[in-house]
Amino acid sequence: MTIAVIKTGGKQYKVSVGDILNIELIEEKKDKTLEFQDLLNGKKVAATVLEEEVKGEKVRIFKYKAKTRYRKTTGHRQKYTQIKIDKIS
């Protein structure tokens, strides 16, 4: 089983062929294929975009200050690009 370590969006992922990943949203996609560089051995990693925009879990942020009647609730939902690793060569 061949593995590779790719870097995208400031994060590193350990991948093998057939893995499905949610990476940070990639804006400029000219076609449905992406190519990454392996950080360990310098191999090429080819991936296919499955979905352009996937929404992650909602994160609730609650701010509270005692004795001042201050409460504030906000939320955030990260957007991802879902990819599948096709081959490592």
PDB file of N, CA and C in Angstrom:
ATOM      1  N   MET A   1       0.837  -1.172   0.000  1.00  0.00           N
ATOM      2  CA  MET A   1       0.000   0.000   0.000  1.00  0.00           C
ATOM      3  C   MET A   1       0.886   1.240   0.000  1.00  0.00           C
ATOM      4  N   THR A   2       0.706   2.075  -0.987  1.00  0.00           N
ATOM      5  CA  THR A   2       1.498   3.276  -1.124  1.00  0.00           C
ATOM      6  C   THR A   2       0.825   4.426  -0.384  1.00  0.00           C
ATOM      7  N   ILE A   3       1.611   5.143   0.402  1.00  0.00           N
ATOM      8  CA  ILE A   3       1.078   6.306   1.095  1.00  0.00           C
ATOM      9  C   ILE A   3       1.875   7.533   0.688  1.00  0.00           C
ATOM     10  N   ALA A   4       1.264   8.694   0.883  1.00  0.00           N
ATOM     11  CA  ALA A   4       1.919   9.956   0.589  1.00  0.00           C
ATOM     12  C   ALA A   4       1.430  10.986   1.595  1.00  0.00           C
ATOM     13  N   VAL A   5       2.198  12.034   1.749  1.00  0.00           N
ATOM     14  CA  VAL A   5       1.804  13.153   2.606  1.00  0.00           C
ATOM     15  C   VAL A   5       1.682  14.376   1.716  1.00  0.00           C
ATOM     16  N   ILE A   6       0.478  14.943   1.656  1.00  0.00           N
ATOM     17  CA  ILE A   6       0.254  16.125   0.826  1.00  0.00           C
ATOM     18  C   ILE A   6      -0.044  17.311   1.733  1.00  0.00           C
ATOM     19  N   LYS A   7       0.200  18.504   1.213  1.00  0.00           N
ATOM     20  CA  LYS A   7      -0.057  19.729   1.971  1.00  0.00           C
ATOM     21  C   LYS A   7      -0.993  20.609   1.166  1.00  0.00           C
ATOM     22  N   THR A   8      -2.098  21.031   1.805  1.00  0.00           N
ATOM     23  CA  THR A   8      -3.030  21.947   1.173  1.00  0.00           C
ATOM     24  C   THR A   8      -3.764  22.711   2.255  1.00  0.00           C
ATOM     25  N   GLY A   9      -3.940  23.983   2.039  1.00  0.00           N
ATOM     26  CA  GLY A   9      -4.659  24.806   2.999  1.00  0.00           C
ATOM     27  C   GLY A   9      -3.957  24.947   4.336  1.00  0.00           C
ATOM     28  N   GLY A  10      -2.623  24.837   4.352  1.00  0.00           N
ATOM     29  CA  GLY A  10      -1.880  24.964   5.595  1.00  0.00           C
ATOM     30  C   GLY A  10      -1.895  23.712   6.449  1.00  0.00           C
ATOM     31  N   LYS A  11      -2.464  22.628   5.939  1.00  0.00           N
ATOM     32  CA  LYS A  11      -2.538  21.372   6.697  1.00  0.00           C
ATOM     33  C   LYS A  11      -1.871  20.264   5.890  1.00  0.00           C
ATOM     34  N   GLN A  12      -1.420  19.234   6.577  1.00  0.00           N
ATOM     35  CA  GLN A  12      -0.822  18.081   5.929  1.00  0.00           C
ATOM     36  C   GLN A  12      -1.720  16.871   6.146  1.00  0.00           C
ATOM     37  N   TYR A  13      -1.876  16.065   5.086  1.00  0.00           N
ATOM     38  CA  TYR A  13      -2.737  14.883   5.133  1.00  0.00           C
ATOM     39  C   TYR A  13      -1.941  13.672   4.693  1.00  0.00           C
ATOM     40  N   LYS A  14      -2.077  12.566   5.441  1.00  0.00           N
ATOM     41  CA  LYS A  14      -1.484  11.288   5.047  1.00  0.00           C
ATOM     42  C   LYS A  14      -2.539  10.549   4.241  1.00  0.00           C
ATOM     43  N   VAL A  15      -2.265  10.268   2.962  1.00  0.00           N
ATOM     44  CA  VAL A  15      -3.260   9.710   2.059  1.00  0.00           C
ATOM     45  C   VAL A  15      -2.741   8.446   1.396  1.00  0.00           C
ATOM     46  N   SER A  16      -3.675   7.640   0.937  1.00  0.00           N
ATOM     47  CA  SER A  16      -3.378   6.491   0.091  1.00  0.00           C
ATOM     48  C   SER A  16      -4.429   6.461  -1.014  1.00  0.00           C
ATOM     49  N   VAL A  17      -4.259   5.585  -1.966  1.00  0.00           N
ATOM     50  CA  VAL A  17      -5.166   5.520  -3.108  1.00  0.00           C
ATOM     51  C   VAL A  17      -6.561   5.108  -2.630  1.00  0.00           C
ATOM     52  N   GLY A  18      -7.578   5.848  -3.081  1.00  0.00           N
ATOM     53  CA  GLY A  18      -8.954   5.551  -2.730  1.00  0.00           C
ATOM     54  C   GLY A  18      -9.493   6.352  -1.557  1.00  0.00           C
ATOM     55  N   ASP A  19      -8.639   7.130  -0.887  1.00  0.00           N
ATOM     56  CA  ASP A  19      -9.091   7.930   0.253  1.00  0.00           C
ATOM     57  C   ASP A  19      -9.977   9.089  -0.214  1.00  0.00           C
ATOM     58  N   ILE A  20     -10.965   9.425   0.606  1.00  0.00           N
ATOM     59  CA  ILE A  20     -11.833  10.568   0.350  1.00  0.00           C
ATOM     60  C   ILE A  20     -11.580  11.577   1.463  1.00  0.00           C
ATOM     61  N   LEU A  21     -11.222  12.814   1.068  1.00  0.00           N
ATOM     62  CA  LEU A  21     -10.848  13.843   2.034  1.00  0.00           C
ATOM     63  C   LEU A  21     -11.717  15.080   1.874  1.00  0.00           C
ATOM     64  N   ASN A  22     -11.915  15.786   2.976  1.00  0.00           N
ATOM     65  CA  ASN A  22     -12.487  17.121   2.950  1.00  0.00           C
ATOM     66  C   ASN A  22     -11.352  18.096   3.215  1.00  0.00           C
ATOM     67  N   ILE A  23     -10.937  18.834   2.182  1.00  0.00           N
ATOM     68  CA  ILE A  23      -9.864  19.810   2.329  1.00  0.00           C
ATOM     69  C   ILE A  23     -10.476  21.200   2.288  1.00  0.00           C
ATOM     70  N   GLU A  24      -9.688  22.205   2.650  1.00  0.00           N
ATOM     71  CA  GLU A  24     -10.200  23.568   2.631  1.00  0.00           C
ATOM     72  C   GLU A  24     -10.609  23.950   1.219  1.00  0.00           C
ATOM     73  N   LEU A  25     -11.596  24.822   1.146  1.00  0.00           N
ATOM     74  CA  LEU A  25     -12.208  25.200  -0.127  1.00  0.00           C
ATOM     75  C   LEU A  25     -11.168  25.729  -1.102  1.00  0.00           C
ATOM     76  N   ILE A  26     -11.148  25.173  -2.305  1.00  0.00           N
ATOM     77  CA  ILE A  26     -10.259  25.608  -3.373  1.00  0.00           C
ATOM     78  C   ILE A  26     -11.100  26.397  -4.362  1.00  0.00           C
ATOM     79  N   GLU A  27     -10.779  27.664  -4.542  1.00  0.00           N
ATOM     80  CA  GLU A  27     -11.599  28.537  -5.378  1.00  0.00           C
ATOM     81  C   GLU A  27     -11.358  28.311  -6.873  1.00  0.00           C
ATOM     82  N   GLU A  28     -10.096  28.367  -7.302  1.00  0.00           N
ATOM     83  CA  GLU A  28      -9.819  28.308  -8.732  1.00  0.00           C
ATOM     84  C   GLU A  28      -9.629  26.874  -9.194  1.00  0.00           C
ATOM     85  N   LYS A  29     -10.737  26.241  -9.584  1.00  0.00           N
ATOM     86  CA  LYS A  29     -10.698  24.883 -10.125  1.00  0.00           C
ATOM     87  C   LYS A  29     -11.018  24.977 -11.617  1.00  0.00           C
ATOM     88  N   LYS A  30     -10.023  24.726 -12.428  1.00  0.00           N
ATOM     89  CA  LYS A  30     -10.251  24.804 -13.873  1.00  0.00           C
ATOM     90  C   LYS A  30     -10.924  23.542 -14.402  1.00  0.00           C
ATOM     91  N   ASP A  31     -10.580  22.411 -13.827  1.00  0.00           N
ATOM     92  CA  ASP A  31     -11.212  21.147 -14.202  1.00  0.00           C
ATOM     93  C   ASP A  31     -11.411  20.320 -12.939  1.00  0.00           C
ATOM     94  N   LYS A  32     -11.836  19.100 -13.094  1.00  0.00           N
ATOM     95  CA  LYS A  32     -12.187  18.268 -11.944  1.00  0.00           C
ATOM     96  C   LYS A  32     -11.015  17.478 -11.393  1.00  0.00           C
ATOM     97  N   THR A  33      -9.799  17.708 -11.886  1.00  0.00           N
ATOM     98  CA  THR A  33      -8.639  16.978 -11.369  1.00  0.00           C
ATOM     99  C   THR A  33      -7.678  17.944 -10.689  1.00  0.00           C
ATOM    100  N   LEU A  34      -7.068  17.477  -9.628  1.00  0.00           N
ATOM    101  CA  LEU A  34      -6.060  18.242  -8.895  1.00  0.00           C
ATOM    102  C   LEU A  34      -4.788  17.424  -8.808  1.00  0.00           C
ATOM    103  N   GLU A  35      -3.659  18.108  -8.676  1.00  0.00           N
ATOM    104  CA  GLU A  35      -2.388  17.415  -8.551  1.00  0.00           C
ATOM    105  C   GLU A  35      -1.623  18.007  -7.378  1.00  0.00           C
ATOM    106  N   PHE A  36      -1.123  17.134  -6.513  1.00  0.00           N
ATOM    107  CA  PHE A  36      -0.375  17.546  -5.335  1.00  0.00           C
ATOM    108  C   PHE A  36       1.018  16.943  -5.393  1.00  0.00           C
ATOM    109  N   GLN A  37       1.935  17.518  -4.609  1.00  0.00           N
ATOM    110  CA  GLN A  37       3.300  17.013  -4.510  1.00  0.00           C
ATOM    111  C   GLN A  37       3.453  16.287  -3.176  1.00  0.00           C
ATOM    112  N   ASP A  38       4.017  15.073  -3.212  1.00  0.00           N
ATOM    113  CA  ASP A  38       4.274  14.325  -1.989  1.00  0.00           C
ATOM    114  C   ASP A  38       5.441  14.978  -1.244  1.00  0.00           C
ATOM    115  N   LEU A  39       5.269  15.223   0.048  1.00  0.00           N
ATOM    116  CA  LEU A  39       6.308  15.886   0.829  1.00  0.00           C
ATOM    117  C   LEU A  39       7.427  14.938   1.230  1.00  0.00           C
ATOM    118  N   LEU A  40       7.171  13.629   1.255  1.00  0.00           N
ATOM    119  CA  LEU A  40       8.190  12.675   1.686  1.00  0.00           C
ATOM    120  C   LEU A  40       9.135  12.286   0.559  1.00  0.00           C
ATOM    121  N   ASN A  41       8.584  11.826  -0.560  1.00  0.00           N
ATOM    122  CA  ASN A  41       9.404  11.267  -1.638  1.00  0.00           C
ATOM    123  C   ASN A  41       9.362  12.075  -2.921  1.00  0.00           C
ATOM    124  N   GLY A  42       8.567  13.127  -2.991  1.00  0.00           N
ATOM    125  CA  GLY A  42       8.486  13.940  -4.202  1.00  0.00           C
ATOM    126  C   GLY A  42       7.619  13.340  -5.283  1.00  0.00           C
ATOM    127  N   LYS A  43       6.769  12.378  -4.938  1.00  0.00           N
ATOM    128  CA  LYS A  43       5.889  11.753  -5.925  1.00  0.00           C
ATOM    129  C   LYS A  43       4.748  12.695  -6.291  1.00  0.00           C
ATOM    130  N   LYS A  44       4.092  12.398  -7.391  1.00  0.00           N
ATOM    131  CA  LYS A  44       2.909  13.146  -7.809  1.00  0.00           C
ATOM    132  C   LYS A  44       1.669  12.421  -7.293  1.00  0.00           C
ATOM    133  N   VAL A  45       0.723  13.178  -6.753  1.00  0.00           N
ATOM    134  CA  VAL A  45      -0.529  12.625  -6.238  1.00  0.00           C
ATOM    135  C   VAL A  45      -1.664  13.251  -7.042  1.00  0.00           C
ATOM    136  N   ALA A  46      -2.435  12.410  -7.753  1.00  0.00           N
ATOM    137  CA  ALA A  46      -3.557  12.874  -8.558  1.00  0.00           C
ATOM    138  C   ALA A  46      -4.854  12.652  -7.795  1.00  0.00           C
ATOM    139  N   ALA A  47      -5.736  13.662  -7.831  1.00  0.00           N
ATOM    140  CA  ALA A  47      -7.006  13.579  -7.113  1.00  0.00           C
ATOM    141  C   ALA A  47      -8.126  14.119  -7.997  1.00  0.00           C
ATOM    142  N   THR A  48      -9.337  13.627  -7.749  1.00  0.00           N
ATOM    143  CA  THR A  48     -10.526  14.070  -8.463  1.00  0.00           C
ATOM    144  C   THR A  48     -11.443  14.783  -7.477  1.00  0.00           C
ATOM    145  N   VAL A  49     -12.039  15.891  -7.930  1.00  0.00           N
ATOM    146  CA  VAL A  49     -12.975  16.633  -7.089  1.00  0.00           C
ATOM    147  C   VAL A  49     -14.327  15.937  -7.159  1.00  0.00           C
ATOM    148  N   LEU A  50     -14.836  15.485  -6.001  1.00  0.00           N
ATOM    149  CA  LEU A  50     -16.143  14.850  -5.945  1.00  0.00           C
ATOM    150  C   LEU A  50     -17.246  15.888  -5.791  1.00  0.00           C
ATOM    151  N   GLU A  51     -17.078  16.791  -4.849  1.00  0.00           N
ATOM    152  CA  GLU A  51     -18.042  17.868  -4.640  1.00  0.00           C
ATOM    153  C   GLU A  51     -17.278  19.166  -4.448  1.00  0.00           C
ATOM    154  N   GLU A  52     -17.780  20.237  -5.082  1.00  0.00           N
ATOM    155  CA  GLU A  52     -17.086  21.514  -5.057  1.00  0.00           C
ATOM    156  C   GLU A  52     -17.200  22.208  -3.710  1.00  0.00           C
ATOM    157  N   GLU A  53     -18.367  22.117  -3.077  1.00  0.00           N
ATOM    158  CA  GLU A  53     -18.560  22.821  -1.823  1.00  0.00           C
ATOM    159  C   GLU A  53     -19.376  21.968  -0.857  1.00  0.00           C
ATOM    160  N   VAL A  54     -18.729  21.500   0.205  1.00  0.00           N
ATOM    161  CA  VAL A  54     -19.370  20.695   1.241  1.00  0.00           C
ATOM    162  C   VAL A  54     -19.314  21.506   2.524  1.00  0.00           C
ATOM    163  N   LYS A  55     -20.424  21.547   3.258  1.00  0.00           N
ATOM    164  CA  LYS A  55     -20.433  22.295   4.509  1.00  0.00           C
ATOM    165  C   LYS A  55     -20.123  21.357   5.668  1.00  0.00           C
ATOM    166  N   GLY A  56     -19.291  21.837   6.584  1.00  0.00           N
ATOM    167  CA  GLY A  56     -18.910  21.055   7.745  1.00  0.00           C
ATOM    168  C   GLY A  56     -19.899  21.216   8.883  1.00  0.00           C
ATOM    169  N   GLU A  57     -19.521  20.714  10.048  1.00  0.00           N
ATOM    170  CA  GLU A  57     -20.347  20.814  11.242  1.00  0.00           C
ATOM    171  C   GLU A  57     -20.476  22.271  11.676  1.00  0.00           C
ATOM    172  N   LYS A  58     -21.622  22.605  12.254  1.00  0.00           N
ATOM    173  CA  LYS A  58     -21.811  23.945  12.781  1.00  0.00           C
ATOM    174  C   LYS A  58     -21.147  24.051  14.151  1.00  0.00           C
ATOM    175  N   VAL A  59     -20.407  25.129  14.348  1.00  0.00           N
ATOM    176  CA  VAL A  59     -19.748  25.405  15.610  1.00  0.00           C
ATOM    177  C   VAL A  59     -20.455  26.582  16.255  1.00  0.00           C
ATOM    178  N   ARG A  60     -20.907  26.409  17.477  1.00  0.00           N
ATOM    179  CA  ARG A  60     -21.601  27.483  18.207  1.00  0.00           C
ATOM    180  C   ARG A  60     -20.597  28.212  19.101  1.00  0.00           C
ATOM    181  N   ILE A  61     -20.644  29.539  19.056  1.00  0.00           N
ATOM    182  CA  ILE A  61     -19.802  30.375  19.897  1.00  0.00           C
ATOM    183  C   ILE A  61     -20.722  31.153  20.825  1.00  0.00           C
ATOM    184  N   PHE A  62     -20.522  31.025  22.131  1.00  0.00           N
ATOM    185  CA  PHE A  62     -21.357  31.712  23.100  1.00  0.00           C
ATOM    186  C   PHE A  62     -20.471  32.546  24.004  1.00  0.00           C
ATOM    187  N   LYS A  63     -20.699  33.861  24.007  1.00  0.00           N
ATOM    188  CA  LYS A  63     -19.947  34.773  24.858  1.00  0.00           C
ATOM    189  C   LYS A  63     -20.862  35.248  25.983  1.00  0.00           C
ATOM    190  N   TYR A  64     -20.313  35.310  27.186  1.00  0.00           N
ATOM    191  CA  TYR A  64     -21.120  35.649  28.348  1.00  0.00           C
ATOM    192  C   TYR A  64     -20.255  36.391  29.361  1.00  0.00           C
ATOM    193  N   LYS A  65     -20.788  37.482  29.882  1.00  0.00           N
ATOM    194  CA  LYS A  65     -20.113  38.192  30.971  1.00  0.00           C
ATOM    195  C   LYS A  65     -21.071  38.275  32.147  1.00  0.00           C
ATOM    196  N   ALA A  66     -20.601  37.876  33.289  1.00  0.00           N
ATOM    197  CA  ALA A  66     -21.440  37.839  34.483  1.00  0.00           C
ATOM    198  C   ALA A  66     -21.772  39.250  34.965  1.00  0.00           C
ATOM    199  N   LYS A  67     -22.975  39.399  35.471  1.00  0.00           N
ATOM    200  CA  LYS A  67     -23.454  40.618  36.135  1.00  0.00           C
ATOM    201  C   LYS A  67     -23.575  41.830  35.224  1.00  0.00           C
ATOM    202  N   THR A  68     -23.469  41.676  33.916  1.00  0.00           N
ATOM    203  CA  THR A  68     -23.583  42.827  33.020  1.00  0.00           C
ATOM    204  C   THR A  68     -24.660  42.632  31.953  1.00  0.00           C
ATOM    205  N   ARG A  69     -25.421  41.558  32.025  1.00  0.00           N
ATOM    206  CA  ARG A  69     -26.470  41.237  31.054  1.00  0.00           C
ATOM    207  C   ARG A  69     -25.937  41.152  29.622  1.00  0.00           C
ATOM    208  N   TYR A  70     -24.719  40.666  29.468  1.00  0.00           N
ATOM    209  CA  TYR A  70     -24.128  40.527  28.140  1.00  0.00           C
ATOM    210  C   TYR A  70     -24.093  39.062  27.756  1.00  0.00           C
ATOM    211  N   ARG A  71     -24.815  38.727  26.696  1.00  0.00           N
ATOM    212  CA  ARG A  71     -24.797  37.384  26.114  1.00  0.00           C
ATOM    213  C   ARG A  71     -24.818  37.530  24.605  1.00  0.00           C
ATOM    214  N   LYS A  72     -24.030  36.719  23.954  1.00  0.00           N
ATOM    215  CA  LYS A  72     -23.980  36.791  22.493  1.00  0.00           C
ATOM    216  C   LYS A  72     -23.743  35.390  21.953  1.00  0.00           C
ATOM    217  N   THR A  73     -24.584  34.954  21.030  1.00  0.00           N
ATOM    218  CA  THR A  73     -24.439  33.649  20.406  1.00  0.00           C
ATOM    219  C   THR A  73     -24.220  33.835  18.916  1.00  0.00           C
ATOM    220  N   THR A  74     -23.164  33.250  18.408  1.00  0.00           N
ATOM    221  CA  THR A  74     -22.902  33.250  16.974  1.00  0.00           C
ATOM    222  C   THR A  74     -22.551  31.826  16.565  1.00  0.00           C
ATOM    223  N   GLY A  75     -22.387  31.627  15.279  1.00  0.00           N
ATOM    224  CA  GLY A  75     -22.034  30.304  14.786  1.00  0.00           C
ATOM    225  C   GLY A  75     -21.148  30.405  13.559  1.00  0.00           C
ATOM    226  N   HIS A  76     -20.575  29.268  13.193  1.00  0.00           N
ATOM    227  CA  HIS A  76     -19.714  29.216  12.011  1.00  0.00           C
ATOM    228  C   HIS A  76     -19.846  27.836  11.382  1.00  0.00           C
ATOM    229  N   ARG A  77     -19.840  27.801  10.073  1.00  0.00           N
ATOM    230  CA  ARG A  77     -19.897  26.543   9.341  1.00  0.00           C
ATOM    231  C   ARG A  77     -18.872  26.593   8.214  1.00  0.00           C
ATOM    232  N   GLN A  78     -17.818  25.807   8.346  1.00  0.00           N
ATOM    233  CA  GLN A  78     -16.718  25.825   7.392  1.00  0.00           C
ATOM    234  C   GLN A  78     -17.118  25.147   6.084  1.00  0.00           C
ATOM    235  N   LYS A  79     -16.617  25.686   4.973  1.00  0.00           N
ATOM    236  CA  LYS A  79     -16.860  25.090   3.661  1.00  0.00           C
ATOM    237  C   LYS A  79     -15.619  24.322   3.213  1.00  0.00           C
ATOM    238  N   TYR A  80     -15.838  23.149   2.646  1.00  0.00           N
ATOM    239  CA  TYR A  80     -14.758  22.266   2.223  1.00  0.00           C
ATOM    240  C   TYR A  80     -14.937  21.863   0.763  1.00  0.00           C
ATOM    241  N   THR A  81     -13.862  21.364   0.156  1.00  0.00           N
ATOM    242  CA  THR A  81     -13.897  20.698  -1.140  1.00  0.00           C
ATOM    243  C   THR A  81     -13.628  19.227  -0.884  1.00  0.00           C
ATOM    244  N   GLN A  82     -14.493  18.351  -1.394  1.00  0.00           N
ATOM    245  CA  GLN A  82     -14.330  16.914  -1.172  1.00  0.00           C
ATOM    246  C   GLN A  82     -13.594  16.316  -2.365  1.00  0.00           C
ATOM    247  N   ILE A  83     -12.482  15.619  -2.078  1.00  0.00           N
ATOM    248  CA  ILE A  83     -11.671  15.023  -3.141  1.00  0.00           C
ATOM    249  C   ILE A  83     -11.470  13.541  -2.878  1.00  0.00           C
ATOM    250  N   LYS A  84     -11.136  12.814  -3.954  1.00  0.00           N
ATOM    251  CA  LYS A  84     -10.805  11.394  -3.873  1.00  0.00           C
ATOM    252  C   LYS A  84      -9.415  11.209  -4.501  1.00  0.00           C
ATOM    253  N   ILE A  85      -8.541  10.499  -3.800  1.00  0.00           N
ATOM    254  CA  ILE A  85      -7.188  10.257  -4.291  1.00  0.00           C
ATOM    255  C   ILE A  85      -7.223   9.137  -5.319  1.00  0.00           C
ATOM    256  N   ASP A  86      -6.785   9.435  -6.546  1.00  0.00           N
ATOM    257  CA  ASP A  86      -6.831   8.465  -7.642  1.00  0.00           C
ATOM    258  C   ASP A  86      -5.561   7.628  -7.753  1.00  0.00           C
ATOM    259  N   LYS A  87      -4.412   8.312  -7.833  1.00  0.00           N
ATOM    260  CA  LYS A  87      -3.178   7.533  -7.959  1.00  0.00           C
ATOM    261  C   LYS A  87      -1.996   8.309  -7.400  1.00  0.00           C
ATOM    262  N   ILE A  88      -1.004   7.553  -6.981  1.00  0.00           N
ATOM    263  CA  ILE A  88       0.247   8.092  -6.475  1.00  0.00           C
ATOM    264  C   ILE A  88       1.352   7.514  -7.331  1.00  0.00           C
ATOM    265  N   SER A  89       2.076   8.405  -8.042  1.00  0.00           N
ATOM    266  CA  SER A  89       3.129   7.907  -8.945  1.00  0.00           C
ATOM    267  C   SER A  89       4.391   8.741  -8.827  1.00  0.00           C
TER     268      SER A  89
END
